[in-house]
Amino acid sequence: MTEGVKTIMYPVTDLAKARTLYGKLVDVEPYMDEIYYVGFIVKGQDIGLDPQGHSRGMTGPVAYWHVDDIEKSLKALLDAGAEEQQKVKDVGGGRLIASVKDADGNVIGLLQPA
């Protein structure tokens, strides 16, 4: 089951500049501010800044669909013809992410909250 898109991740090269810019855009303080991730919550929407995103192949923002069972959701997408881009990975505290590409190269992110 999906809860819809609740997280949008932006790959950034300069985390400090991105933190300032997105902080002004969303007008809230980050709920997480680390050297590996900065995250803002805006009306239930998680806006994340990933300084390693480009090195992992991100070419732009990725929308993450929140799902109850990431393995099941990933398998369903692969069975439907998607191409795996990132295997299931724990990004901390039991929070799991994965991503696939559709036939047109669009990236679909999956996120299973902890």
PDB file of N, CA and C in Angstrom:
ATOM      1  N   MET A   1       0.840  -1.179   0.000  1.00  0.00           N
ATOM      2  CA  MET A   1       0.000   0.000   0.000  1.00  0.00           C
ATOM      3  C   MET A   1       0.888   1.246   0.000  1.00  0.00           C
ATOM      4  N   THR A   2       0.472   2.245  -0.720  1.00  0.00           N
ATOM      5  CA  THR A   2       1.237   3.488  -0.779  1.00  0.00           C
ATOM      6  C   THR A   2       0.489   4.603  -0.051  1.00  0.00           C
ATOM      7  N   GLU A   3       1.257   5.481   0.544  1.00  0.00           N
ATOM      8  CA  GLU A   3       0.699   6.669   1.181  1.00  0.00           C
ATOM      9  C   GLU A   3       0.848   7.883   0.269  1.00  0.00           C
ATOM     10  N   GLY A   4       1.347   7.669  -0.950  1.00  0.00           N
ATOM     11  CA  GLY A   4       1.559   8.761  -1.882  1.00  0.00           C
ATOM     12  C   GLY A   4       2.966   9.320  -1.783  1.00  0.00           C
ATOM     13  N   VAL A   5       3.224  10.365  -2.541  1.00  0.00           N
ATOM     14  CA  VAL A   5       4.537  11.006  -2.549  1.00  0.00           C
ATOM     15  C   VAL A   5       4.608  11.940  -1.349  1.00  0.00           C
ATOM     16  N   LYS A   6       5.531  11.633  -0.447  1.00  0.00           N
ATOM     17  CA  LYS A   6       5.692  12.455   0.753  1.00  0.00           C
ATOM     18  C   LYS A   6       7.103  12.997   0.903  1.00  0.00           C
ATOM     19  N   THR A   7       8.033  12.525   0.067  1.00  0.00           N
ATOM     20  CA  THR A   7       9.420  12.975   0.159  1.00  0.00           C
ATOM     21  C   THR A   7       9.941  13.322  -1.227  1.00  0.00           C
ATOM     22  N   ILE A   8      10.566  14.471  -1.332  1.00  0.00           N
ATOM     23  CA  ILE A   8      11.234  14.864  -2.569  1.00  0.00           C
ATOM     24  C   ILE A   8      12.684  15.154  -2.206  1.00  0.00           C
ATOM     25  N   MET A   9      13.583  14.447  -2.890  1.00  0.00           N
ATOM     26  CA  MET A   9      15.009  14.556  -2.601  1.00  0.00           C
ATOM     27  C   MET A   9      15.707  15.302  -3.735  1.00  0.00           C
ATOM     28  N   TYR A  10      16.508  16.296  -3.364  1.00  0.00           N
ATOM     29  CA  TYR A  10      17.285  17.072  -4.327  1.00  0.00           C
ATOM     30  C   TYR A  10      18.759  16.750  -4.169  1.00  0.00           C
ATOM     31  N   PRO A  11      19.447  16.369  -5.258  1.00  0.00           N
ATOM     32  CA  PRO A  11      20.899  16.228  -5.171  1.00  0.00           C
ATOM     33  C   PRO A  11      21.514  17.630  -5.198  1.00  0.00           C
ATOM     34  N   VAL A  12      22.479  17.876  -4.318  1.00  0.00           N
ATOM     35  CA  VAL A  12      23.105  19.204  -4.253  1.00  0.00           C
ATOM     36  C   VAL A  12      24.618  19.050  -4.179  1.00  0.00           C
ATOM     37  N   THR A  13      25.330  20.017  -4.695  1.00  0.00           N
ATOM     38  CA  THR A  13      26.792  19.975  -4.638  1.00  0.00           C
ATOM     39  C   THR A  13      27.343  20.816  -3.490  1.00  0.00           C
ATOM     40  N   ASP A  14      26.636  21.863  -3.118  1.00  0.00           N
ATOM     41  CA  ASP A  14      27.060  22.727  -2.010  1.00  0.00           C
ATOM     42  C   ASP A  14      25.937  22.734  -0.977  1.00  0.00           C
ATOM     43  N   LEU A  15      26.079  21.898   0.030  1.00  0.00           N
ATOM     44  CA  LEU A  15      25.012  21.715   1.016  1.00  0.00           C
ATOM     45  C   LEU A  15      24.713  23.003   1.781  1.00  0.00           C
ATOM     46  N   ALA A  16      25.726  23.763   2.124  1.00  0.00           N
ATOM     47  CA  ALA A  16      25.506  25.004   2.876  1.00  0.00           C
ATOM     48  C   ALA A  16      24.676  26.001   2.069  1.00  0.00           C
ATOM     49  N   LYS A  17      25.035  26.191   0.801  1.00  0.00           N
ATOM     50  CA  LYS A  17      24.269  27.108  -0.047  1.00  0.00           C
ATOM     51  C   LYS A  17      22.853  26.592  -0.262  1.00  0.00           C
ATOM     52  N   ALA A  18      22.718  25.281  -0.492  1.00  0.00           N
ATOM     53  CA  ALA A  18      21.392  24.701  -0.705  1.00  0.00           C
ATOM     54  C   ALA A  18      20.537  24.835   0.554  1.00  0.00           C
ATOM     55  N   ARG A  19      21.123  24.601   1.735  1.00  0.00           N
ATOM     56  CA  ARG A  19      20.398  24.743   2.997  1.00  0.00           C
ATOM     57  C   ARG A  19      19.825  26.151   3.114  1.00  0.00           C
ATOM     58  N   THR A  20      20.638  27.146   2.792  1.00  0.00           N
ATOM     59  CA  THR A  20      20.191  28.542   2.876  1.00  0.00           C
ATOM     60  C   THR A  20      19.072  28.813   1.881  1.00  0.00           C
ATOM     61  N   LEU A  21      19.272  28.408   0.630  1.00  0.00           N
ATOM     62  CA  LEU A  21      18.279  28.671  -0.409  1.00  0.00           C
ATOM     63  C   LEU A  21      16.948  27.982  -0.104  1.00  0.00           C
ATOM     64  N   TYR A  22      16.985  26.690   0.190  1.00  0.00           N
ATOM     65  CA  TYR A  22      15.741  25.968   0.451  1.00  0.00           C
ATOM     66  C   TYR A  22      15.118  26.395   1.779  1.00  0.00           C
ATOM     67  N   GLY A  23      15.948  26.790   2.730  1.00  0.00           N
ATOM     68  CA  GLY A  23      15.422  27.325   3.979  1.00  0.00           C
ATOM     69  C   GLY A  23      14.602  28.586   3.746  1.00  0.00           C
ATOM     70  N   LYS A  24      15.091  29.452   2.863  1.00  0.00           N
ATOM     71  CA  LYS A  24      14.338  30.666   2.512  1.00  0.00           C
ATOM     72  C   LYS A  24      13.052  30.301   1.758  1.00  0.00           C
ATOM     73  N   LEU A  25      13.145  29.310   0.881  1.00  0.00           N
ATOM     74  CA  LEU A  25      11.978  28.897   0.101  1.00  0.00           C
ATOM     75  C   LEU A  25      10.871  28.358   0.997  1.00  0.00           C
ATOM     76  N   VAL A  26      11.210  27.452   1.903  1.00  0.00           N
ATOM     77  CA  VAL A  26      10.187  26.796   2.714  1.00  0.00           C
ATOM     78  C   VAL A  26       9.874  27.541   4.012  1.00  0.00           C
ATOM     79  N   ASP A  27      10.758  28.447   4.420  1.00  0.00           N
ATOM     80  CA  ASP A  27      10.561  29.298   5.594  1.00  0.00           C
ATOM     81  C   ASP A  27      10.356  28.501   6.882  1.00  0.00           C
ATOM     82  N   VAL A  28      11.110  27.393   7.023  1.00  0.00           N
ATOM     83  CA  VAL A  28      11.142  26.625   8.268  1.00  0.00           C
ATOM     84  C   VAL A  28      12.580  26.192   8.520  1.00  0.00           C
ATOM     85  N   GLU A  29      12.895  25.884   9.766  1.00  0.00           N
ATOM     86  CA  GLU A  29      14.209  25.359  10.110  1.00  0.00           C
ATOM     87  C   GLU A  29      14.251  23.874   9.759  1.00  0.00           C
ATOM     88  N   PRO A  30      15.423  23.366   9.400  1.00  0.00           N
ATOM     89  CA  PRO A  30      15.511  21.935   9.096  1.00  0.00           C
ATOM     90  C   PRO A  30      15.232  21.079  10.335  1.00  0.00           C
ATOM     91  N   TYR A  31      14.555  19.959  10.138  1.00  0.00           N
ATOM     92  CA  TYR A  31      14.358  19.010  11.228  1.00  0.00           C
ATOM     93  C   TYR A  31      15.597  18.134  11.380  1.00  0.00           C
ATOM     94  N   MET A  32      16.392  18.058  10.308  1.00  0.00           N
ATOM     95  CA  MET A  32      17.652  17.323  10.335  1.00  0.00           C
ATOM     96  C   MET A  32      18.678  18.145   9.570  1.00  0.00           C
ATOM     97  N   ASP A  33      19.841  18.339  10.185  1.00  0.00           N
ATOM     98  CA  ASP A  33      20.869  19.177   9.572  1.00  0.00           C
ATOM     99  C   ASP A  33      22.228  18.533   9.836  1.00  0.00           C
ATOM    100  N   GLU A  34      22.586  17.609   8.963  1.00  0.00           N
ATOM    101  CA  GLU A  34      23.828  16.856   9.094  1.00  0.00           C
ATOM    102  C   GLU A  34      24.666  17.046   7.825  1.00  0.00           C
ATOM    103  N   ILE A  35      25.928  16.617   7.858  1.00  0.00           N
ATOM    104  CA  ILE A  35      26.792  16.775   6.688  1.00  0.00           C
ATOM    105  C   ILE A  35      26.367  15.859   5.540  1.00  0.00           C
ATOM    106  N   TYR A  36      25.566  14.843   5.819  1.00  0.00           N
ATOM    107  CA  TYR A  36      25.129  13.890   4.804  1.00  0.00           C
ATOM    108  C   TYR A  36      23.682  14.085   4.359  1.00  0.00           C
ATOM    109  N   TYR A  37      22.937  15.009   5.023  1.00  0.00           N
ATOM    110  CA  TYR A  37      21.521  15.199   4.674  1.00  0.00           C
ATOM    111  C   TYR A  37      20.980  16.400   5.430  1.00  0.00           C
ATOM    112  N   VAL A  38      20.192  17.206   4.742  1.00  0.00           N
ATOM    113  CA  VAL A  38      19.427  18.269   5.388  1.00  0.00           C
ATOM    114  C   VAL A  38      17.972  18.061   4.970  1.00  0.00           C
ATOM    115  N   GLY A  39      17.085  18.054   5.961  1.00  0.00           N
ATOM    116  CA  GLY A  39      15.677  17.811   5.659  1.00  0.00           C
ATOM    117  C   GLY A  39      14.768  18.849   6.289  1.00  0.00           C
ATOM    118  N   PHE A  40      13.755  19.241   5.534  1.00  0.00           N
ATOM    119  CA  PHE A  40      12.745  20.189   5.988  1.00  0.00           C
ATOM    120  C   PHE A  40      11.380  19.504   5.902  1.00  0.00           C
ATOM    121  N   ILE A  41      10.486  19.782   6.836  1.00  0.00           N
ATOM    122  CA  ILE A  41       9.102  19.312   6.757  1.00  0.00           C
ATOM    123  C   ILE A  41       8.221  20.526   6.522  1.00  0.00           C
ATOM    124  N   VAL A  42       7.450  20.476   5.438  1.00  0.00           N
ATOM    125  CA  VAL A  42       6.547  21.559   5.088  1.00  0.00           C
ATOM    126  C   VAL A  42       5.152  20.959   4.887  1.00  0.00           C
ATOM    127  N   LYS A  43       4.276  21.182   5.858  1.00  0.00           N
ATOM    128  CA  LYS A  43       2.900  20.678   5.800  1.00  0.00           C
ATOM    129  C   LYS A  43       2.855  19.190   5.459  1.00  0.00           C
ATOM    130  N   GLY A  44       3.673  18.408   6.136  1.00  0.00           N
ATOM    131  CA  GLY A  44       3.689  16.962   5.935  1.00  0.00           C
ATOM    132  C   GLY A  44       4.567  16.485   4.785  1.00  0.00           C
ATOM    133  N   GLN A  45       5.121  17.398   4.019  1.00  0.00           N
ATOM    134  CA  GLN A  45       5.995  17.065   2.885  1.00  0.00           C
ATOM    135  C   GLN A  45       7.441  17.165   3.334  1.00  0.00           C
ATOM    136  N   ASP A  46       8.220  16.111   3.087  1.00  0.00           N
ATOM    137  CA  ASP A  46       9.640  16.091   3.447  1.00  0.00           C
ATOM    138  C   ASP A  46      10.447  16.547   2.235  1.00  0.00           C
ATOM    139  N   ILE A  47      11.197  17.614   2.406  1.00  0.00           N
ATOM    140  CA  ILE A  47      12.076  18.130   1.360  1.00  0.00           C
ATOM    141  C   ILE A  47      13.508  17.844   1.814  1.00  0.00           C
ATOM    142  N   GLY A  48      14.219  16.981   1.066  1.00  0.00           N
ATOM    143  CA  GLY A  48      15.557  16.576   1.468  1.00  0.00           C
ATOM    144  C   GLY A  48      16.626  17.061   0.513  1.00  0.00           C
ATOM    145  N   LEU A  49      17.788  17.366   1.067  1.00  0.00           N
ATOM    146  CA  LEU A  49      18.953  17.782   0.293  1.00  0.00           C
ATOM    147  C   LEU A  49      20.033  16.731   0.492  1.00  0.00           C
ATOM    148  N   ASP A  50      20.499  16.128  -0.601  1.00  0.00           N
ATOM    149  CA  ASP A  50      21.456  15.023  -0.537  1.00  0.00           C
ATOM    150  C   ASP A  50      22.757  15.417  -1.223  1.00  0.00           C
ATOM    151  N   PRO A  51      23.828  15.667  -0.442  1.00  0.00           N
ATOM    152  CA  PRO A  51      25.098  16.067  -1.055  1.00  0.00           C
ATOM    153  C   PRO A  51      25.810  14.931  -1.787  1.00  0.00           C
ATOM    154  N   GLN A  52      25.373  13.684  -1.606  1.00  0.00           N
ATOM    155  CA  GLN A  52      25.966  12.561  -2.343  1.00  0.00           C
ATOM    156  C   GLN A  52      25.086  12.124  -3.516  1.00  0.00           C
ATOM    157  N   GLY A  53      23.979  12.800  -3.729  1.00  0.00           N
ATOM    158  CA  GLY A  53      23.028  12.403  -4.762  1.00  0.00           C
ATOM    159  C   GLY A  53      23.626  12.311  -6.153  1.00  0.00           C
ATOM    160  N   HIS A  54      24.386  13.310  -6.550  1.00  0.00           N
ATOM    161  CA  HIS A  54      24.975  13.297  -7.895  1.00  0.00           C
ATOM    162  C   HIS A  54      25.920  12.111  -8.078  1.00  0.00           C
ATOM    163  N   SER A  55      26.702  11.800  -7.043  1.00  0.00           N
ATOM    164  CA  SER A  55      27.654  10.693  -7.154  1.00  0.00           C
ATOM    165  C   SER A  55      26.946   9.338  -7.226  1.00  0.00           C
ATOM    166  N   ARG A  56      25.681   9.304  -6.810  1.00  0.00           N
ATOM    167  CA  ARG A  56      24.889   8.072  -6.900  1.00  0.00           C
ATOM    168  C   ARG A  56      23.989   8.064  -8.132  1.00  0.00           C
ATOM    169  N   GLY A  57      24.210   8.997  -9.048  1.00  0.00           N
ATOM    170  CA  GLY A  57      23.477   8.978 -10.305  1.00  0.00           C
ATOM    171  C   GLY A  57      22.237   9.836 -10.360  1.00  0.00           C
ATOM    172  N   MET A  58      21.937  10.590  -9.318  1.00  0.00           N
ATOM    173  CA  MET A  58      20.769  11.478  -9.369  1.00  0.00           C
ATOM    174  C   MET A  58      21.084  12.641 -10.308  1.00  0.00           C
ATOM    175  N   THR A  59      20.204  12.904 -11.252  1.00  0.00           N
ATOM    176  CA  THR A  59      20.401  14.020 -12.175  1.00  0.00           C
ATOM    177  C   THR A  59      19.411  15.147 -11.911  1.00  0.00           C
ATOM    178  N   GLY A  60      18.533  14.946 -10.965  1.00  0.00           N
ATOM    179  CA  GLY A  60      17.533  15.939 -10.599  1.00  0.00           C
ATOM    180  C   GLY A  60      16.743  15.422  -9.411  1.00  0.00           C
ATOM    181  N   PRO A  61      15.709  16.169  -9.022  1.00  0.00           N
ATOM    182  CA  PRO A  61      14.911  15.754  -7.873  1.00  0.00           C
ATOM    183  C   PRO A  61      14.257  14.394  -8.108  1.00  0.00           C
ATOM    184  N   VAL A  62      14.089  13.639  -7.023  1.00  0.00           N
ATOM    185  CA  VAL A  62      13.400  12.346  -7.076  1.00  0.00           C
ATOM    186  C   VAL A  62      12.258  12.390  -6.068  1.00  0.00           C
ATOM    187  N   ALA A  63      11.070  12.048  -6.547  1.00  0.00           N
ATOM    188  CA  ALA A  63       9.902  11.940  -5.677  1.00  0.00           C
ATOM    189  C   ALA A  63       9.865  10.527  -5.112  1.00  0.00           C
ATOM    190  N   TYR A  64       9.726  10.422  -3.800  1.00  0.00           N
ATOM    191  CA  TYR A  64       9.683   9.124  -3.133  1.00  0.00           C
ATOM    192  C   TYR A  64       8.267   8.820  -2.672  1.00  0.00           C
ATOM    193  N   TRP A  65       7.746   7.703  -3.167  1.00  0.00           N
ATOM    194  CA  TRP A  65       6.452   7.187  -2.752  1.00  0.00           C
ATOM    195  C   TRP A  65       6.647   6.438  -1.451  1.00  0.00           C
ATOM    196  N   HIS A  66       5.880   6.767  -0.432  1.00  0.00           N
ATOM    197  CA  HIS A  66       5.960   6.073   0.848  1.00  0.00           C
ATOM    198  C   HIS A  66       5.119   4.802   0.762  1.00  0.00           C
ATOM    199  N   VAL A  67       5.746   3.682   1.081  1.00  0.00           N
ATOM    200  CA  VAL A  67       5.096   2.377   0.956  1.00  0.00           C
ATOM    201  C   VAL A  67       5.234   1.593   2.264  1.00  0.00           C
ATOM    202  N   ASP A  68       4.324   0.647   2.452  1.00  0.00           N
ATOM    203  CA  ASP A  68       4.350  -0.201   3.647  1.00  0.00           C
ATOM    204  C   ASP A  68       5.396  -1.300   3.544  1.00  0.00           C
ATOM    205  N   ASP A  69       5.594  -1.833   2.342  1.00  0.00           N
ATOM    206  CA  ASP A  69       6.504  -2.969   2.137  1.00  0.00           C
ATOM    207  C   ASP A  69       7.354  -2.685   0.908  1.00  0.00           C
ATOM    208  N   ILE A  70       8.559  -2.180   1.123  1.00  0.00           N
ATOM    209  CA  ILE A  70       9.405  -1.742   0.016  1.00  0.00           C
ATOM    210  C   ILE A  70       9.799  -2.897  -0.901  1.00  0.00           C
ATOM    211  N   GLU A  71      10.083  -4.060  -0.337  1.00  0.00           N
ATOM    212  CA  GLU A  71      10.474  -5.215  -1.158  1.00  0.00           C
ATOM    213  C   GLU A  71       9.333  -5.611  -2.093  1.00  0.00           C
ATOM    214  N   LYS A  72       8.128  -5.659  -1.562  1.00  0.00           N
ATOM    215  CA  LYS A  72       6.955  -6.026  -2.361  1.00  0.00           C
ATOM    216  C   LYS A  72       6.693  -4.977  -3.455  1.00  0.00           C
ATOM    217  N   SER A  73       6.790  -3.702  -3.083  1.00  0.00           N
ATOM    218  CA  SER A  73       6.555  -2.625  -4.059  1.00  0.00           C
ATOM    219  C   SER A  73       7.621  -2.629  -5.146  1.00  0.00           C
ATOM    220  N   LEU A  74       8.880  -2.835  -4.753  1.00  0.00           N
ATOM    221  CA  LEU A  74       9.975  -2.877  -5.718  1.00  0.00           C
ATOM    222  C   LEU A  74       9.780  -4.035  -6.689  1.00  0.00           C
ATOM    223  N   LYS A  75       9.437  -5.205  -6.170  1.00  0.00           N
ATOM    224  CA  LYS A  75       9.215  -6.374  -7.029  1.00  0.00           C
ATOM    225  C   LYS A  75       8.075  -6.122  -8.009  1.00  0.00           C
ATOM    226  N   ALA A  76       6.998  -5.515  -7.537  1.00  0.00           N
ATOM    227  CA  ALA A  76       5.856  -5.232  -8.407  1.00  0.00           C
ATOM    228  C   ALA A  76       6.261  -4.311  -9.557  1.00  0.00           C
ATOM    229  N   LEU A  77       7.073  -3.294  -9.267  1.00  0.00           N
ATOM    230  CA  LEU A  77       7.519  -2.373 -10.325  1.00  0.00           C
ATOM    231  C   LEU A  77       8.468  -3.065 -11.300  1.00  0.00           C
ATOM    232  N   LEU A  78       9.390  -3.881 -10.773  1.00  0.00           N
ATOM    233  CA  LEU A  78      10.309  -4.611 -11.650  1.00  0.00           C
ATOM    234  C   LEU A  78       9.547  -5.600 -12.524  1.00  0.00           C
ATOM    235  N   ASP A  79       8.561  -6.278 -11.964  1.00  0.00           N
ATOM    236  CA  ASP A  79       7.733  -7.215 -12.729  1.00  0.00           C
ATOM    237  C   ASP A  79       6.929  -6.503 -13.816  1.00  0.00           C
ATOM    238  N   ALA A  80       6.637  -5.219 -13.571  1.00  0.00           N
ATOM    239  CA  ALA A  80       5.863  -4.439 -14.543  1.00  0.00           C
ATOM    240  C   ALA A  80       6.755  -3.788 -15.597  1.00  0.00           C
ATOM    241  N   GLY A  81       8.078  -4.040 -15.538  1.00  0.00           N
ATOM    242  CA  GLY A  81       8.971  -3.549 -16.580  1.00  0.00           C
ATOM    243  C   GLY A  81       9.918  -2.443 -16.176  1.00  0.00           C
ATOM    244  N   ALA A  82       9.889  -2.026 -14.916  1.00  0.00           N
ATOM    245  CA  ALA A  82      10.817  -0.983 -14.475  1.00  0.00           C
ATOM    246  C   ALA A  82      12.234  -1.549 -14.414  1.00  0.00           C
ATOM    247  N   GLU A  83      13.206  -0.660 -14.466  1.00  0.00           N
ATOM    248  CA  GLU A  83      14.629  -1.032 -14.367  1.00  0.00           C
ATOM    249  C   GLU A  83      15.150  -0.557 -13.021  1.00  0.00           C
ATOM    250  N   GLU A  84      15.779  -1.451 -12.275  1.00  0.00           N
ATOM    251  CA  GLU A  84      16.292  -1.085 -10.959  1.00  0.00           C
ATOM    252  C   GLU A  84      17.400  -0.044 -11.092  1.00  0.00           C
ATOM    253  N   GLN A  85      17.288   1.017 -10.329  1.00  0.00           N
ATOM    254  CA  GLN A  85      18.336   2.029 -10.303  1.00  0.00           C
ATOM    255  C   GLN A  85      19.121   1.935  -8.993  1.00  0.00           C
ATOM    256  N   GLN A  86      18.422   1.798  -7.877  1.00  0.00           N
ATOM    257  CA  GLN A  86      19.090   1.668  -6.579  1.00  0.00           C
ATOM    258  C   GLN A  86      18.409   0.569  -5.788  1.00  0.00           C
ATOM    259  N   LYS A  87      19.193  -0.393  -5.348  1.00  0.00           N
ATOM    260  CA  LYS A  87      18.678  -1.480  -4.513  1.00  0.00           C
ATOM    261  C   LYS A  87      18.189  -0.916  -3.183  1.00  0.00           C
ATOM    262  N   VAL A  88      17.429  -1.701  -2.458  1.00  0.00           N
ATOM    263  CA  VAL A  88      16.950  -1.294  -1.142  1.00  0.00           C
ATOM    264  C   VAL A  88      18.147  -1.002  -0.240  1.00  0.00           C
ATOM    265  N   LYS A  89      18.078   0.156   0.411  1.00  0.00           N
ATOM    266  CA  LYS A  89      19.186   0.612   1.258  1.00  0.00           C
ATOM    267  C   LYS A  89      18.611   1.240   2.524  1.00  0.00           C
ATOM    268  N   ASP A  90      19.185   0.892   3.663  1.00  0.00           N
ATOM    269  CA  ASP A  90      18.817   1.522   4.927  1.00  0.00           C
ATOM    270  C   ASP A  90      19.592   2.834   5.016  1.00  0.00           C
ATOM    271  N   VAL A  91      18.868   3.945   5.120  1.00  0.00           N
ATOM    272  CA  VAL A  91      19.528   5.252   5.180  1.00  0.00           C
ATOM    273  C   VAL A  91      19.571   5.792   6.605  1.00  0.00           C
ATOM    274  N   GLY A  92      19.296   4.933   7.551  1.00  0.00           N
ATOM    275  CA  GLY A  92      19.393   5.317   8.953  1.00  0.00           C
ATOM    276  C   GLY A  92      18.119   5.062   9.721  1.00  0.00           C
ATOM    277  N   GLY A  93      18.279   4.462  10.862  1.00  0.00           N
ATOM    278  CA  GLY A  93      17.143   4.253  11.746  1.00  0.00           C
ATOM    279  C   GLY A  93      16.083   3.317  11.212  1.00  0.00           C
ATOM    280  N   GLY A  94      16.448   2.470  10.263  1.00  0.00           N
ATOM    281  CA  GLY A  94      15.474   1.543   9.689  1.00  0.00           C
ATOM    282  C   GLY A  94      14.670   2.103   8.531  1.00  0.00           C
ATOM    283  N   ARG A  95      14.949   3.329   8.140  1.00  0.00           N
ATOM    284  CA  ARG A  95      14.268   3.952   6.994  1.00  0.00           C
ATOM    285  C   ARG A  95      14.903   3.393   5.725  1.00  0.00           C
ATOM    286  N   LEU A  96      14.087   2.795   4.847  1.00  0.00           N
ATOM    287  CA  LEU A  96      14.584   2.142   3.643  1.00  0.00           C
ATOM    288  C   LEU A  96      14.187   2.920   2.395  1.00  0.00           C
ATOM    289  N   ILE A  97      15.129   2.999   1.434  1.00  0.00           N
ATOM    290  CA  ILE A  97      14.825   3.613   0.144  1.00  0.00           C
ATOM    291  C   ILE A  97      15.290   2.689  -0.976  1.00  0.00           C
ATOM    292  N   ALA A  98      14.696   2.879  -2.138  1.00  0.00           N
ATOM    293  CA  ALA A  98      15.091   2.195  -3.370  1.00  0.00           C
ATOM    294  C   ALA A  98      14.561   3.055  -4.513  1.00  0.00           C
ATOM    295  N   SER A  99      15.049   2.807  -5.732  1.00  0.00           N
ATOM    296  CA  SER A  99      14.507   3.538  -6.872  1.00  0.00           C
ATOM    297  C   SER A  99      14.614   2.701  -8.138  1.00  0.00           C
ATOM    298  N   VAL A 100      13.722   3.014  -9.064  1.00  0.00           N
ATOM    299  CA  VAL A 100      13.672   2.362 -10.372  1.00  0.00           C
ATOM    300  C   VAL A 100      13.490   3.442 -11.425  1.00  0.00           C
ATOM    301  N   LYS A 101      13.697   3.041 -12.679  1.00  0.00           N
ATOM    302  CA  LYS A 101      13.400   3.917 -13.814  1.00  0.00           C
ATOM    303  C   LYS A 101      12.284   3.278 -14.619  1.00  0.00           C
ATOM    304  N   ASP A 102      11.367   4.104 -15.105  1.00  0.00           N
ATOM    305  CA  ASP A 102      10.334   3.586 -15.993  1.00  0.00           C
ATOM    306  C   ASP A 102      10.878   3.536 -17.416  1.00  0.00           C
ATOM    307  N   ALA A 103      10.063   3.124 -18.361  1.00  0.00           N
ATOM    308  CA  ALA A 103      10.503   2.951 -19.750  1.00  0.00           C
ATOM    309  C   ALA A 103      10.980   4.256 -20.389  1.00  0.00           C
ATOM    310  N   ASP A 104      10.562   5.404 -19.835  1.00  0.00           N
ATOM    311  CA  ASP A 104      10.970   6.693 -20.380  1.00  0.00           C
ATOM    312  C   ASP A 104      12.136   7.314 -19.627  1.00  0.00           C
ATOM    313  N   GLY A 105      12.694   6.574 -18.674  1.00  0.00           N
ATOM    314  CA  GLY A 105      13.830   7.071 -17.912  1.00  0.00           C
ATOM    315  C   GLY A 105      13.476   7.877 -16.687  1.00  0.00           C
ATOM    316  N   ASN A 106      12.185   7.983 -16.382  1.00  0.00           N
ATOM    317  CA  ASN A 106      11.763   8.716 -15.189  1.00  0.00           C
ATOM    318  C   ASN A 106      12.097   7.885 -13.947  1.00  0.00           C
ATOM    319  N   VAL A 107      12.615   8.544 -12.937  1.00  0.00           N
ATOM    320  CA  VAL A 107      12.986   7.862 -11.705  1.00  0.00           C
ATOM    321  C   VAL A 107      11.791   7.847 -10.752  1.00  0.00           C
ATOM    322  N   ILE A 108      11.527   6.663 -10.187  1.00  0.00           N
ATOM    323  CA  ILE A 108      10.482   6.498  -9.183  1.00  0.00           C
ATOM    324  C   ILE A 108      11.177   6.055  -7.901  1.00  0.00           C
ATOM    325  N   GLY A 109      11.070   6.863  -6.867  1.00  0.00           N
ATOM    326  CA  GLY A 109      11.657   6.515  -5.582  1.00  0.00           C
ATOM    327  C   GLY A 109      10.641   5.834  -4.693  1.00  0.00           C
ATOM    328  N   LEU A 110      11.110   4.873  -3.912  1.00  0.00           N
ATOM    329  CA  LEU A 110      10.286   4.196  -2.916  1.00  0.00           C
ATOM    330  C   LEU A 110      10.927   4.431  -1.562  1.00  0.00           C
ATOM    331  N   LEU A 111      10.102   4.663  -0.553  1.00  0.00           N
ATOM    332  CA  LEU A 111      10.590   4.886   0.798  1.00  0.00           C
ATOM    333  C   LEU A 111       9.676   4.149   1.764  1.00  0.00           C
ATOM    334  N   GLN A 112      10.283   3.323   2.614  1.00  0.00           N
ATOM    335  CA  GLN A 112       9.550   2.658   3.676  1.00  0.00           C
ATOM    336  C   GLN A 112      10.000   3.275   4.991  1.00  0.00           C
ATOM    337  N   PRO A 113       9.095   4.027   5.647  1.00  0.00           N
ATOM    338  CA  PRO A 113       9.474   4.644   6.918  1.00  0.00           C
ATOM    339  C   PRO A 113       9.840   3.591   7.959  1.00  0.00           C
ATOM    340  N   ALA A 114      10.611   4.013   8.938  1.00  0.00           N
ATOM    341  CA  ALA A 114      11.018   3.092  10.023  1.00  0.00           C
ATOM    342  C   ALA A 114       9.839   2.770  10.907  1.00  0.00           C
TER     343      ALA A 114
END
